[in-house]
Structures are given as structure tokens and as C-alpha cells.
């Protein structure tokens, strides 16, 4: 019995030491996280767009991507999440559409554009919210989507956590994917 107690104490001691090392070596100042959230939030733009204004085209530079266009100045590459949301909103199988949009062959992208445009022109949906970050469409949502201000929510959470003595360890955000 005494041996089990000593083993438990040793394990507890090792775990405590490991936790302390993690908190010491990998903690980040909460103010840095808040700055990152503010920076990311400033990149985000939402547009309410009538369906009849939406066009799908090959990108103008290489033709190897499908772009969502809703006026002369707004050409956006499709992010995989937006592609799946578009498929869902238009009633097209997600996997099939994704395979076409991101296919290696030109015919796949042309077929994706034809399918997207035909469904867009014939949907009963009147408008959508298109969420973008820089030159990429990241979301294709209902125009009734209520955007919560994640910056305010995360900031309040982080400040409340900080006031209790909590530290931030290994915070992650979604980084913009590099063009291939």
C-alpha cells in the first residue's frame, strides 16, 4: 500500500513539474492574442449580394481556380469551406462540386462553373451573405446570418480569464493558405 502511495506521489510530482514547464515555456501574453484577434477581424469583409449579381469565372491570371464575382471590383477565389457552403445552398453534392472546382483538368473547372452558374441563376434564394478575407471567399451564408463580433467575445473571455490568473497556452488561429 505504501509503495502505491509513493508511486502516486511521484506521478503527481512529475505531472506538476510538466505542467509548470508548459506554463512557463509556452504561455503567451493575452495582449498579444487580443492584438492578433483585432488584426484578423480587420481583414474580414461581409457583403450582402443579390443572387442575380453572382457570376462564377476562371481566375483571370492562370485560369486554374474558380472565382466568385459579384461586381467589377470583387473577384474572390473560392475557399474549400465556401465551396461546400455554396454546394449546400444550391443543392449540389458537396464532394462532387469540390472535386470539380479544385480539379487539375480545365474541363473540371469549366463544368464546375457551368453547374454553379446554372444553379445560381435558377435558385429561389434572393440574396446571400458572402464573407471574404483579402481575395478569398471564405463563407457563403444566408443573408439572415447574424454575425457575432468574435473580437468582442474573445477579448472579454481572455480578459476574464486573465483576471482569474489564467494564462494563455498554445493559442491557434486560422492562417491564410498560401497560393499554390
N, C-alpha and C. Protein backbone atom coordinates (compact mmCIF):
# COMPACT_ATOMS: atom_id res chain seq x y z
N UNK A 1 0.83 -1.19 0.00
CA UNK A 1 0.00 0.00 0.00
C UNK A 1 0.88 1.26 0.00
N UNK A 2 1.93 1.22 0.82
CA UNK A 2 2.85 2.35 0.91
C UNK A 2 3.53 2.59 -0.44
N UNK A 3 3.86 1.50 -1.14
CA UNK A 3 4.51 1.61 -2.45
C UNK A 3 3.58 2.29 -3.46
N UNK A 4 2.33 1.96 -3.45
CA UNK A 4 1.35 2.57 -4.36
C UNK A 4 1.24 4.07 -4.07
N UNK A 5 1.20 4.44 -2.78
CA UNK A 5 1.11 5.85 -2.40
C UNK A 5 2.33 6.61 -2.91
N UNK A 6 3.54 6.01 -2.76
CA UNK A 6 4.78 6.67 -3.23
C UNK A 6 4.76 6.83 -4.75
N UNK A 7 4.29 5.80 -5.45
CA UNK A 7 4.19 5.89 -6.92
C UNK A 7 3.24 7.00 -7.34
N UNK A 8 2.11 7.09 -6.63
CA UNK A 8 1.14 8.15 -6.94
C UNK A 8 1.73 9.53 -6.69
N UNK A 9 2.46 9.66 -5.59
CA UNK A 9 3.12 10.94 -5.28
C UNK A 9 4.16 11.30 -6.33
N UNK A 10 4.93 10.30 -6.81
CA UNK A 10 5.93 10.54 -7.84
C UNK A 10 5.26 10.96 -9.16
N UNK A 11 4.19 10.27 -9.52
CA UNK A 11 3.46 10.61 -10.74
C UNK A 11 2.88 12.02 -10.64
N UNK A 12 2.31 12.34 -9.51
CA UNK A 12 1.76 13.67 -9.30
C UNK A 12 2.86 14.73 -9.39
N UNK A 13 4.01 14.44 -8.82
CA UNK A 13 5.13 15.36 -8.86
C UNK A 13 5.61 15.56 -10.30
N UNK A 14 5.71 14.48 -11.07
CA UNK A 14 6.12 14.58 -12.47
C UNK A 14 5.11 15.39 -13.30
N UNK A 15 3.85 15.11 -13.09
CA UNK A 15 2.81 15.84 -13.82
C UNK A 15 2.81 17.32 -13.45
N UNK A 16 2.97 17.61 -12.18
CA UNK A 16 3.01 19.00 -11.72
C UNK A 16 4.20 19.72 -12.36
N UNK A 17 5.36 19.06 -12.37
CA UNK A 17 6.55 19.65 -12.98
C UNK A 17 6.34 19.90 -14.48
N UNK A 18 5.76 18.93 -15.16
CA UNK A 18 5.50 19.06 -16.60
C UNK A 18 4.53 20.21 -16.88
N UNK A 19 3.49 20.33 -16.06
CA UNK A 19 2.53 21.42 -16.23
C UNK A 19 3.20 22.78 -16.00
N UNK A 20 4.00 22.88 -14.97
CA UNK A 20 4.71 24.14 -14.68
C UNK A 20 5.64 24.52 -15.83
N UNK A 21 6.35 23.52 -16.39
CA UNK A 21 7.24 23.79 -17.53
C UNK A 21 6.44 24.27 -18.74
N UNK A 22 5.31 23.62 -18.99
CA UNK A 22 4.46 24.03 -20.11
C UNK A 22 3.98 25.46 -19.93
N UNK A 23 3.52 25.78 -18.74
CA UNK A 23 3.02 27.14 -18.48
C UNK A 23 4.15 28.17 -18.58
N UNK A 24 5.33 27.80 -18.17
CA UNK A 24 6.46 28.72 -18.22
C UNK A 24 6.97 28.90 -19.64
N UNK A 25 7.11 27.80 -20.39
CA UNK A 25 7.75 27.85 -21.70
C UNK A 25 6.81 28.21 -22.84
N UNK A 26 5.52 27.92 -22.71
CA UNK A 26 4.64 28.11 -23.85
C UNK A 26 3.52 29.10 -23.62
N UNK A 27 3.50 29.75 -22.48
CA UNK A 27 2.43 30.73 -22.26
C UNK A 27 2.71 31.98 -23.10
N UNK A 28 1.66 32.64 -23.50
CA UNK A 28 1.74 33.86 -24.31
C UNK A 28 1.01 34.97 -23.58
N UNK A 29 1.49 36.18 -23.75
CA UNK A 29 0.74 37.30 -23.16
C UNK A 29 -0.64 37.43 -23.81
N UNK A 30 -1.64 37.61 -23.00
CA UNK A 30 -3.01 37.72 -23.50
C UNK A 30 -3.15 38.93 -24.42
N UNK A 31 -2.41 39.99 -24.15
CA UNK A 31 -2.50 41.17 -25.02
C UNK A 31 -2.06 40.87 -26.45
N UNK A 32 -1.08 39.95 -26.62
CA UNK A 32 -0.68 39.53 -27.97
C UNK A 32 -1.83 38.84 -28.69
N UNK A 33 -2.53 37.97 -27.97
CA UNK A 33 -3.67 37.26 -28.56
C UNK A 33 -4.77 38.25 -28.95
N UNK A 34 -5.03 39.23 -28.10
CA UNK A 34 -6.06 40.23 -28.41
C UNK A 34 -5.65 41.02 -29.65
N UNK A 35 -4.38 41.39 -29.76
CA UNK A 35 -3.90 42.11 -30.95
C UNK A 35 -4.08 41.28 -32.21
N UNK A 36 -3.79 39.98 -32.13
CA UNK A 36 -3.96 39.08 -33.28
C UNK A 36 -5.42 38.98 -33.68
N UNK A 37 -6.31 38.89 -32.70
CA UNK A 37 -7.75 38.83 -32.99
C UNK A 37 -8.20 40.12 -33.67
N UNK A 38 -7.73 41.26 -33.18
CA UNK A 38 -8.08 42.54 -33.80
C UNK A 38 -7.57 42.60 -35.24
N UNK A 39 -6.35 42.15 -35.45
CA UNK A 39 -5.77 42.15 -36.80
C UNK A 39 -6.59 41.25 -37.73
N UNK A 40 -6.90 40.04 -37.29
CA UNK A 40 -7.68 39.11 -38.11
C UNK A 40 -9.07 39.66 -38.41
N UNK A 41 -9.68 40.28 -37.41
CA UNK A 41 -11.02 40.83 -37.58
C UNK A 41 -11.03 41.96 -38.62
N UNK A 42 -9.93 42.71 -38.70
CA UNK A 42 -9.88 43.82 -39.65
C UNK A 42 -9.78 43.33 -41.10
N UNK A 43 -9.38 42.07 -41.32
CA UNK A 43 -9.25 41.52 -42.67
C UNK A 43 -10.59 41.03 -43.23
N UNK A 44 -11.55 40.83 -42.35
CA UNK A 44 -12.82 40.21 -42.72
C UNK A 44 -13.80 41.23 -43.29
N UNK A 45 -14.41 40.89 -44.41
CA UNK A 45 -15.45 41.74 -45.00
C UNK A 45 -16.66 40.88 -45.33
N UNK A 46 -17.85 41.40 -45.06
CA UNK A 46 -19.10 40.73 -45.40
C UNK A 46 -19.85 41.57 -46.42
N UNK A 47 -20.44 40.88 -47.40
CA UNK A 47 -21.24 41.54 -48.43
C UNK A 47 -22.59 40.82 -48.53
N UNK A 48 -23.67 41.59 -48.56
CA UNK A 48 -24.98 41.03 -48.88
C UNK A 48 -25.14 41.23 -50.38
N UNK A 49 -25.29 40.11 -51.11
CA UNK A 49 -25.26 40.16 -52.57
C UNK A 49 -26.52 39.50 -53.15
N UNK A 50 -27.23 40.20 -54.05
CA UNK A 50 -28.35 39.56 -54.75
C UNK A 50 -27.83 38.40 -55.61
N UNK A 51 -28.53 37.30 -55.64
CA UNK A 51 -28.09 36.13 -56.39
C UNK A 51 -27.87 36.46 -57.87
N UNK A 52 -28.70 37.34 -58.44
CA UNK A 52 -28.54 37.64 -59.87
C UNK A 52 -27.24 38.37 -60.18
N UNK A 53 -26.56 38.89 -59.15
CA UNK A 53 -25.28 39.59 -59.37
C UNK A 53 -24.07 38.65 -59.29
N UNK A 54 -24.30 37.40 -58.93
CA UNK A 54 -23.19 36.47 -58.73
C UNK A 54 -22.87 35.75 -60.02
N UNK A 55 -21.57 35.75 -60.34
CA UNK A 55 -21.06 35.04 -61.51
C UNK A 55 -19.86 34.21 -61.06
N UNK A 56 -19.67 33.08 -61.69
CA UNK A 56 -18.50 32.25 -61.44
C UNK A 56 -17.66 32.22 -62.71
N UNK A 57 -16.36 32.46 -62.56
CA UNK A 57 -15.45 32.55 -63.70
C UNK A 57 -14.12 31.88 -63.36
N UNK A 58 -13.35 31.50 -64.39
CA UNK A 58 -11.98 31.09 -64.09
C UNK A 58 -11.19 32.32 -63.67
N UNK A 59 -10.20 32.14 -62.79
CA UNK A 59 -9.43 33.31 -62.37
C UNK A 59 -8.73 33.92 -63.58
N UNK A 60 -8.54 35.22 -63.53
CA UNK A 60 -8.04 35.96 -64.68
C UNK A 60 -6.56 35.72 -64.95
N UNK A 61 -5.80 35.34 -63.93
CA UNK A 61 -4.35 35.20 -64.14
C UNK A 61 -3.96 33.85 -64.73
N UNK A 62 -4.43 32.75 -64.14
CA UNK A 62 -3.98 31.43 -64.61
C UNK A 62 -5.11 30.56 -65.15
N UNK A 63 -6.35 30.88 -64.77
CA UNK A 63 -7.46 30.03 -65.17
C UNK A 63 -7.53 28.73 -64.38
N UNK A 64 -6.66 28.56 -63.38
CA UNK A 64 -6.59 27.31 -62.63
C UNK A 64 -7.40 27.33 -61.35
N UNK A 65 -8.16 28.40 -61.13
CA UNK A 65 -9.03 28.49 -59.96
C UNK A 65 -10.39 28.98 -60.44
N UNK A 66 -11.40 28.68 -59.64
CA UNK A 66 -12.74 29.22 -59.90
C UNK A 66 -12.92 30.41 -58.98
N UNK A 67 -13.40 31.50 -59.55
CA UNK A 67 -13.63 32.70 -58.75
C UNK A 67 -15.12 33.03 -58.71
N UNK A 68 -15.51 33.59 -57.58
CA UNK A 68 -16.84 34.13 -57.38
C UNK A 68 -16.73 35.63 -57.62
N UNK A 69 -17.59 36.15 -58.48
CA UNK A 69 -17.54 37.56 -58.85
C UNK A 69 -18.93 38.15 -58.63
N UNK A 70 -19.00 39.35 -58.02
CA UNK A 70 -20.31 39.99 -57.91
C UNK A 70 -20.31 41.44 -58.33
N UNK A 71 -19.22 41.98 -58.73
CA UNK A 71 -19.15 43.25 -59.44
C UNK A 71 -17.73 43.39 -60.00
N UNK A 72 -17.48 44.43 -60.73
CA UNK A 72 -16.19 44.58 -61.41
C UNK A 72 -15.00 44.52 -60.45
N UNK A 73 -15.16 45.04 -59.27
CA UNK A 73 -14.04 45.14 -58.33
C UNK A 73 -13.92 43.97 -57.37
N UNK A 74 -14.85 43.06 -57.39
CA UNK A 74 -14.86 41.99 -56.40
C UNK A 74 -14.79 40.62 -57.06
N UNK A 75 -13.56 40.12 -57.18
CA UNK A 75 -13.28 38.77 -57.68
C UNK A 75 -12.60 38.02 -56.55
N UNK A 76 -13.20 36.90 -56.14
CA UNK A 76 -12.68 36.18 -54.99
C UNK A 76 -12.46 34.71 -55.33
N UNK A 77 -11.27 34.19 -54.98
CA UNK A 77 -11.03 32.76 -55.09
C UNK A 77 -11.94 32.05 -54.09
N UNK A 78 -12.31 30.82 -54.40
CA UNK A 78 -13.18 30.05 -53.50
C UNK A 78 -12.36 29.24 -52.51
N UNK A 79 -12.61 29.47 -51.23
CA UNK A 79 -12.02 28.66 -50.16
C UNK A 79 -12.85 27.36 -50.09
N UNK A 80 -12.24 26.23 -49.71
CA UNK A 80 -12.99 24.98 -49.63
C UNK A 80 -14.25 25.05 -48.76
N UNK A 81 -14.21 25.81 -47.66
CA UNK A 81 -15.41 25.94 -46.82
C UNK A 81 -16.53 26.65 -47.58
N UNK A 82 -16.19 27.70 -48.29
CA UNK A 82 -17.20 28.44 -49.06
C UNK A 82 -17.76 27.55 -50.16
N UNK A 83 -16.90 26.76 -50.80
CA UNK A 83 -17.36 25.86 -51.86
C UNK A 83 -18.40 24.89 -51.32
N UNK A 84 -18.14 24.33 -50.15
CA UNK A 84 -19.10 23.40 -49.53
C UNK A 84 -20.40 24.11 -49.17
N UNK A 85 -20.30 25.35 -48.69
CA UNK A 85 -21.50 26.11 -48.33
C UNK A 85 -22.30 26.47 -49.58
N UNK A 86 -21.61 26.81 -50.67
CA UNK A 86 -22.30 27.11 -51.93
C UNK A 86 -23.03 25.86 -52.40
N UNK A 87 -22.35 24.72 -52.37
CA UNK A 87 -22.98 23.46 -52.79
C UNK A 87 -24.23 23.20 -51.97
N UNK A 88 -24.13 23.39 -50.67
CA UNK A 88 -25.28 23.17 -49.79
C UNK A 88 -26.43 24.11 -50.12
N UNK A 89 -26.12 25.39 -50.30
CA UNK A 89 -27.18 26.38 -50.57
C UNK A 89 -27.83 26.15 -51.93
N UNK A 90 -27.06 25.62 -52.90
CA UNK A 90 -27.59 25.44 -54.26
C UNK A 90 -28.09 24.02 -54.53
N UNK A 91 -27.91 23.13 -53.56
CA UNK A 91 -28.41 21.76 -53.73
C UNK A 91 -27.54 20.89 -54.63
N UNK A 92 -26.25 21.15 -54.64
CA UNK A 92 -25.30 20.36 -55.43
C UNK A 92 -24.50 19.50 -54.45
N UNK A 93 -24.25 18.22 -54.77
CA UNK A 93 -23.44 17.40 -53.85
C UNK A 93 -22.07 18.03 -53.58
N UNK A 94 -21.74 18.19 -52.30
CA UNK A 94 -20.51 18.89 -51.90
C UNK A 94 -19.24 18.25 -52.46
N UNK A 95 -19.12 16.95 -52.31
CA UNK A 95 -17.91 16.27 -52.76
C UNK A 95 -17.71 16.39 -54.26
N UNK A 96 -18.79 16.23 -54.99
CA UNK A 96 -18.73 16.33 -56.46
C UNK A 96 -18.29 17.73 -56.87
N UNK A 97 -18.92 18.75 -56.29
CA UNK A 97 -18.57 20.12 -56.65
C UNK A 97 -17.13 20.44 -56.27
N UNK A 98 -16.70 20.03 -55.10
CA UNK A 98 -15.32 20.28 -54.67
C UNK A 98 -14.33 19.62 -55.61
N UNK A 99 -14.62 18.38 -56.03
CA UNK A 99 -13.73 17.70 -56.97
C UNK A 99 -13.62 18.47 -58.29
N UNK A 100 -14.70 19.06 -58.74
CA UNK A 100 -14.67 19.82 -59.98
C UNK A 100 -13.95 21.16 -59.80
N UNK A 101 -14.32 21.89 -58.75
CA UNK A 101 -13.74 23.23 -58.52
C UNK A 101 -12.23 23.15 -58.36
N UNK A 102 -11.73 22.13 -57.64
CA UNK A 102 -10.30 22.02 -57.35
C UNK A 102 -9.61 20.97 -58.22
N UNK A 103 -10.30 20.55 -59.28
CA UNK A 103 -9.72 19.56 -60.17
C UNK A 103 -8.51 20.09 -60.93
N UNK A 104 -7.69 19.19 -61.39
CA UNK A 104 -6.46 19.56 -62.11
C UNK A 104 -6.73 19.87 -63.58
N UNK A 105 -7.82 19.34 -64.09
CA UNK A 105 -8.12 19.49 -65.53
C UNK A 105 -9.01 20.71 -65.77
N UNK A 106 -8.77 21.36 -66.88
CA UNK A 106 -9.56 22.55 -67.23
C UNK A 106 -11.05 22.21 -67.39
N UNK A 107 -11.36 21.04 -67.96
CA UNK A 107 -12.75 20.67 -68.16
C UNK A 107 -13.50 20.58 -66.83
N UNK A 108 -12.80 20.18 -65.75
CA UNK A 108 -13.44 20.07 -64.44
C UNK A 108 -13.88 21.45 -63.95
N UNK A 109 -12.99 22.42 -64.06
CA UNK A 109 -13.32 23.77 -63.60
C UNK A 109 -14.41 24.38 -64.48
N UNK A 110 -14.36 24.13 -65.79
CA UNK A 110 -15.41 24.64 -66.69
C UNK A 110 -16.77 24.05 -66.32
N UNK A 111 -16.80 22.75 -66.04
CA UNK A 111 -18.05 22.11 -65.63
C UNK A 111 -18.52 22.66 -64.29
N UNK A 112 -17.60 22.87 -63.36
CA UNK A 112 -17.96 23.46 -62.06
C UNK A 112 -18.60 24.83 -62.26
N UNK A 113 -18.00 25.64 -63.11
CA UNK A 113 -18.54 26.98 -63.38
C UNK A 113 -19.93 26.89 -64.00
N UNK A 114 -20.10 25.98 -64.94
CA UNK A 114 -21.41 25.82 -65.59
C UNK A 114 -22.46 25.38 -64.56
N UNK A 115 -22.12 24.41 -63.71
CA UNK A 115 -23.05 23.94 -62.69
C UNK A 115 -23.39 25.06 -61.71
N UNK A 116 -22.37 25.75 -61.22
CA UNK A 116 -22.58 26.83 -60.27
C UNK A 116 -23.45 27.93 -60.87
N UNK A 117 -23.16 28.33 -62.08
CA UNK A 117 -23.90 29.43 -62.69
C UNK A 117 -25.35 29.03 -62.97
N UNK A 118 -25.55 27.82 -63.46
CA UNK A 118 -26.91 27.36 -63.74
C UNK A 118 -27.74 27.30 -62.46
N UNK A 119 -27.17 26.74 -61.42
CA UNK A 119 -27.90 26.66 -60.15
C UNK A 119 -28.13 28.05 -59.56
N UNK A 120 -27.13 28.92 -59.64
CA UNK A 120 -27.28 30.28 -59.12
C UNK A 120 -28.39 31.03 -59.85
N UNK A 121 -28.44 30.87 -61.16
CA UNK A 121 -29.46 31.56 -61.97
C UNK A 121 -30.86 31.02 -61.73
N UNK A 122 -30.98 29.82 -61.19
CA UNK A 122 -32.30 29.20 -61.04
C UNK A 122 -32.69 28.93 -59.60
N UNK A 123 -31.99 29.49 -58.65
CA UNK A 123 -32.34 29.28 -57.24
C UNK A 123 -33.48 30.20 -56.83
N UNK A 124 -34.20 29.79 -55.81
CA UNK A 124 -35.26 30.65 -55.26
C UNK A 124 -34.70 31.65 -54.26
N UNK A 125 -33.49 31.38 -53.81
CA UNK A 125 -32.83 32.27 -52.85
C UNK A 125 -32.61 33.62 -53.52
N UNK A 126 -32.92 34.71 -52.82
CA UNK A 126 -32.79 36.03 -53.41
C UNK A 126 -31.43 36.67 -53.17
N UNK A 127 -30.88 36.49 -51.97
CA UNK A 127 -29.59 37.09 -51.65
C UNK A 127 -28.84 36.20 -50.68
N UNK A 128 -27.53 36.42 -50.61
CA UNK A 128 -26.68 35.69 -49.69
C UNK A 128 -25.69 36.64 -49.06
N UNK A 129 -25.11 36.21 -47.96
CA UNK A 129 -24.01 36.94 -47.34
C UNK A 129 -22.73 36.23 -47.78
N UNK A 130 -21.83 36.98 -48.38
CA UNK A 130 -20.54 36.44 -48.78
C UNK A 130 -19.50 37.02 -47.85
N UNK A 131 -18.79 36.14 -47.16
CA UNK A 131 -17.75 36.56 -46.22
C UNK A 131 -16.40 36.36 -46.89
N UNK A 132 -15.59 37.42 -46.88
CA UNK A 132 -14.29 37.36 -47.54
C UNK A 132 -13.16 37.75 -46.59
N UNK A 133 -12.00 37.23 -46.89
CA UNK A 133 -10.76 37.66 -46.26
C UNK A 133 -9.79 37.88 -47.41
N UNK A 134 -9.36 39.12 -47.53
CA UNK A 134 -8.49 39.54 -48.63
C UNK A 134 -9.13 39.13 -49.96
N UNK A 135 -8.49 38.30 -50.78
CA UNK A 135 -9.03 37.99 -52.10
C UNK A 135 -9.71 36.61 -52.14
N UNK A 136 -10.18 36.13 -51.00
CA UNK A 136 -10.74 34.80 -50.93
C UNK A 136 -12.13 34.82 -50.31
N UNK A 137 -13.09 34.17 -50.98
CA UNK A 137 -14.43 33.98 -50.40
C UNK A 137 -14.33 32.83 -49.41
N UNK A 138 -14.56 33.14 -48.13
CA UNK A 138 -14.45 32.13 -47.08
C UNK A 138 -15.81 31.59 -46.63
N UNK A 139 -16.88 32.35 -46.91
CA UNK A 139 -18.19 31.91 -46.48
C UNK A 139 -19.26 32.31 -47.47
N UNK A 140 -20.26 31.48 -47.60
CA UNK A 140 -21.41 31.72 -48.48
C UNK A 140 -22.61 31.37 -47.61
N UNK A 141 -23.18 32.38 -46.97
CA UNK A 141 -24.15 32.16 -45.90
C UNK A 141 -25.50 32.77 -46.22
N UNK A 142 -26.47 32.44 -45.42
CA UNK A 142 -27.78 33.06 -45.54
C UNK A 142 -27.66 34.55 -45.29
N UNK A 143 -28.44 35.34 -46.00
CA UNK A 143 -28.41 36.79 -45.76
C UNK A 143 -29.00 37.13 -44.39
N UNK A 144 -29.58 36.15 -43.73
CA UNK A 144 -30.12 36.36 -42.39
C UNK A 144 -29.11 35.97 -41.32
N UNK A 145 -27.93 35.53 -41.74
CA UNK A 145 -26.88 35.13 -40.80
C UNK A 145 -26.54 36.30 -39.90
N UNK A 146 -26.56 36.04 -38.60
CA UNK A 146 -26.26 37.09 -37.63
C UNK A 146 -24.79 36.98 -37.24
N UNK A 147 -24.02 37.92 -37.68
CA UNK A 147 -22.60 37.89 -37.38
C UNK A 147 -22.38 38.33 -35.95
N UNK A 148 -21.75 37.46 -35.19
CA UNK A 148 -21.35 37.81 -33.83
C UNK A 148 -19.96 38.43 -33.91
N UNK A 149 -19.73 39.42 -33.11
CA UNK A 149 -18.43 40.07 -33.12
C UNK A 149 -17.47 39.22 -32.29
N UNK A 150 -16.76 38.32 -32.98
CA UNK A 150 -15.88 37.40 -32.28
C UNK A 150 -14.76 38.14 -31.55
N UNK A 151 -14.36 39.29 -32.07
CA UNK A 151 -13.32 40.05 -31.39
C UNK A 151 -13.79 40.44 -29.99
N UNK A 152 -15.00 40.94 -29.86
CA UNK A 152 -15.52 41.33 -28.54
C UNK A 152 -15.67 40.11 -27.63
N UNK A 153 -16.15 39.00 -28.19
CA UNK A 153 -16.37 37.80 -27.39
C UNK A 153 -15.05 37.24 -26.89
N UNK A 154 -14.07 37.08 -27.78
CA UNK A 154 -12.77 36.54 -27.37
C UNK A 154 -12.04 37.49 -26.42
N UNK A 155 -12.11 38.77 -26.69
CA UNK A 155 -11.44 39.73 -25.83
C UNK A 155 -12.02 39.67 -24.41
N UNK A 156 -13.34 39.65 -24.31
CA UNK A 156 -13.98 39.57 -22.98
C UNK A 156 -13.58 38.28 -22.27
N UNK A 157 -13.57 37.17 -23.02
CA UNK A 157 -13.19 35.89 -22.44
C UNK A 157 -11.74 35.92 -21.94
N UNK A 158 -10.83 36.41 -22.80
CA UNK A 158 -9.41 36.43 -22.43
C UNK A 158 -9.15 37.34 -21.23
N UNK A 159 -9.81 38.50 -21.19
CA UNK A 159 -9.62 39.40 -20.06
C UNK A 159 -10.19 38.81 -18.77
N UNK A 160 -11.34 38.12 -18.88
CA UNK A 160 -11.92 37.47 -17.70
C UNK A 160 -11.00 36.35 -17.21
N UNK A 161 -10.45 35.58 -18.16
CA UNK A 161 -9.53 34.51 -17.80
C UNK A 161 -8.28 35.08 -17.13
N UNK A 162 -7.77 36.18 -17.66
CA UNK A 162 -6.58 36.81 -17.11
C UNK A 162 -6.84 37.30 -15.69
N UNK A 163 -8.04 37.82 -15.44
CA UNK A 163 -8.35 38.35 -14.11
C UNK A 163 -8.40 37.25 -13.04
N UNK A 164 -8.55 36.00 -13.47
CA UNK A 164 -8.55 34.89 -12.51
C UNK A 164 -7.16 34.28 -12.36
N UNK A 165 -6.18 34.85 -13.08
CA UNK A 165 -4.82 34.33 -13.00
C UNK A 165 -4.51 33.29 -14.05
N UNK A 166 -5.44 33.05 -14.96
CA UNK A 166 -5.20 32.07 -16.02
C UNK A 166 -4.18 32.61 -17.01
N UNK A 167 -3.48 31.68 -17.66
CA UNK A 167 -2.53 32.07 -18.70
C UNK A 167 -2.94 31.40 -20.00
N UNK A 168 -2.54 32.02 -21.09
CA UNK A 168 -2.86 31.51 -22.42
C UNK A 168 -1.71 30.63 -22.89
N UNK A 169 -2.05 29.39 -23.29
CA UNK A 169 -1.03 28.45 -23.76
C UNK A 169 -1.50 27.88 -25.10
N UNK A 170 -0.61 27.94 -26.09
CA UNK A 170 -0.86 27.31 -27.39
C UNK A 170 -2.15 27.79 -28.06
N UNK A 171 -2.35 29.07 -28.15
CA UNK A 171 -3.50 29.59 -28.87
C UNK A 171 -3.24 29.48 -30.36
N UNK A 172 -4.26 29.12 -31.11
CA UNK A 172 -4.11 28.95 -32.56
C UNK A 172 -5.22 29.69 -33.27
N UNK A 173 -4.89 30.19 -34.44
CA UNK A 173 -5.88 30.81 -35.31
C UNK A 173 -5.78 30.17 -36.68
N UNK A 174 -6.67 30.53 -37.54
CA UNK A 174 -6.66 30.00 -38.89
C UNK A 174 -5.82 30.93 -39.75
N UNK A 175 -4.76 30.39 -40.29
CA UNK A 175 -3.88 31.18 -41.14
C UNK A 175 -4.36 31.12 -42.58
N UNK A 176 -4.11 32.16 -43.31
CA UNK A 176 -4.46 32.20 -44.72
C UNK A 176 -3.59 31.19 -45.44
N UNK A 177 -4.23 30.37 -46.29
CA UNK A 177 -3.48 29.38 -47.05
C UNK A 177 -2.69 30.07 -48.16
N UNK A 178 -1.48 29.59 -48.39
CA UNK A 178 -0.65 30.15 -49.44
C UNK A 178 -1.13 29.66 -50.79
N UNK A 179 -1.08 30.55 -51.77
CA UNK A 179 -1.47 30.17 -53.12
C UNK A 179 -0.51 29.14 -53.67
N UNK A 180 -1.07 28.18 -54.39
CA UNK A 180 -0.19 27.14 -54.95
C UNK A 180 0.00 27.33 -56.42
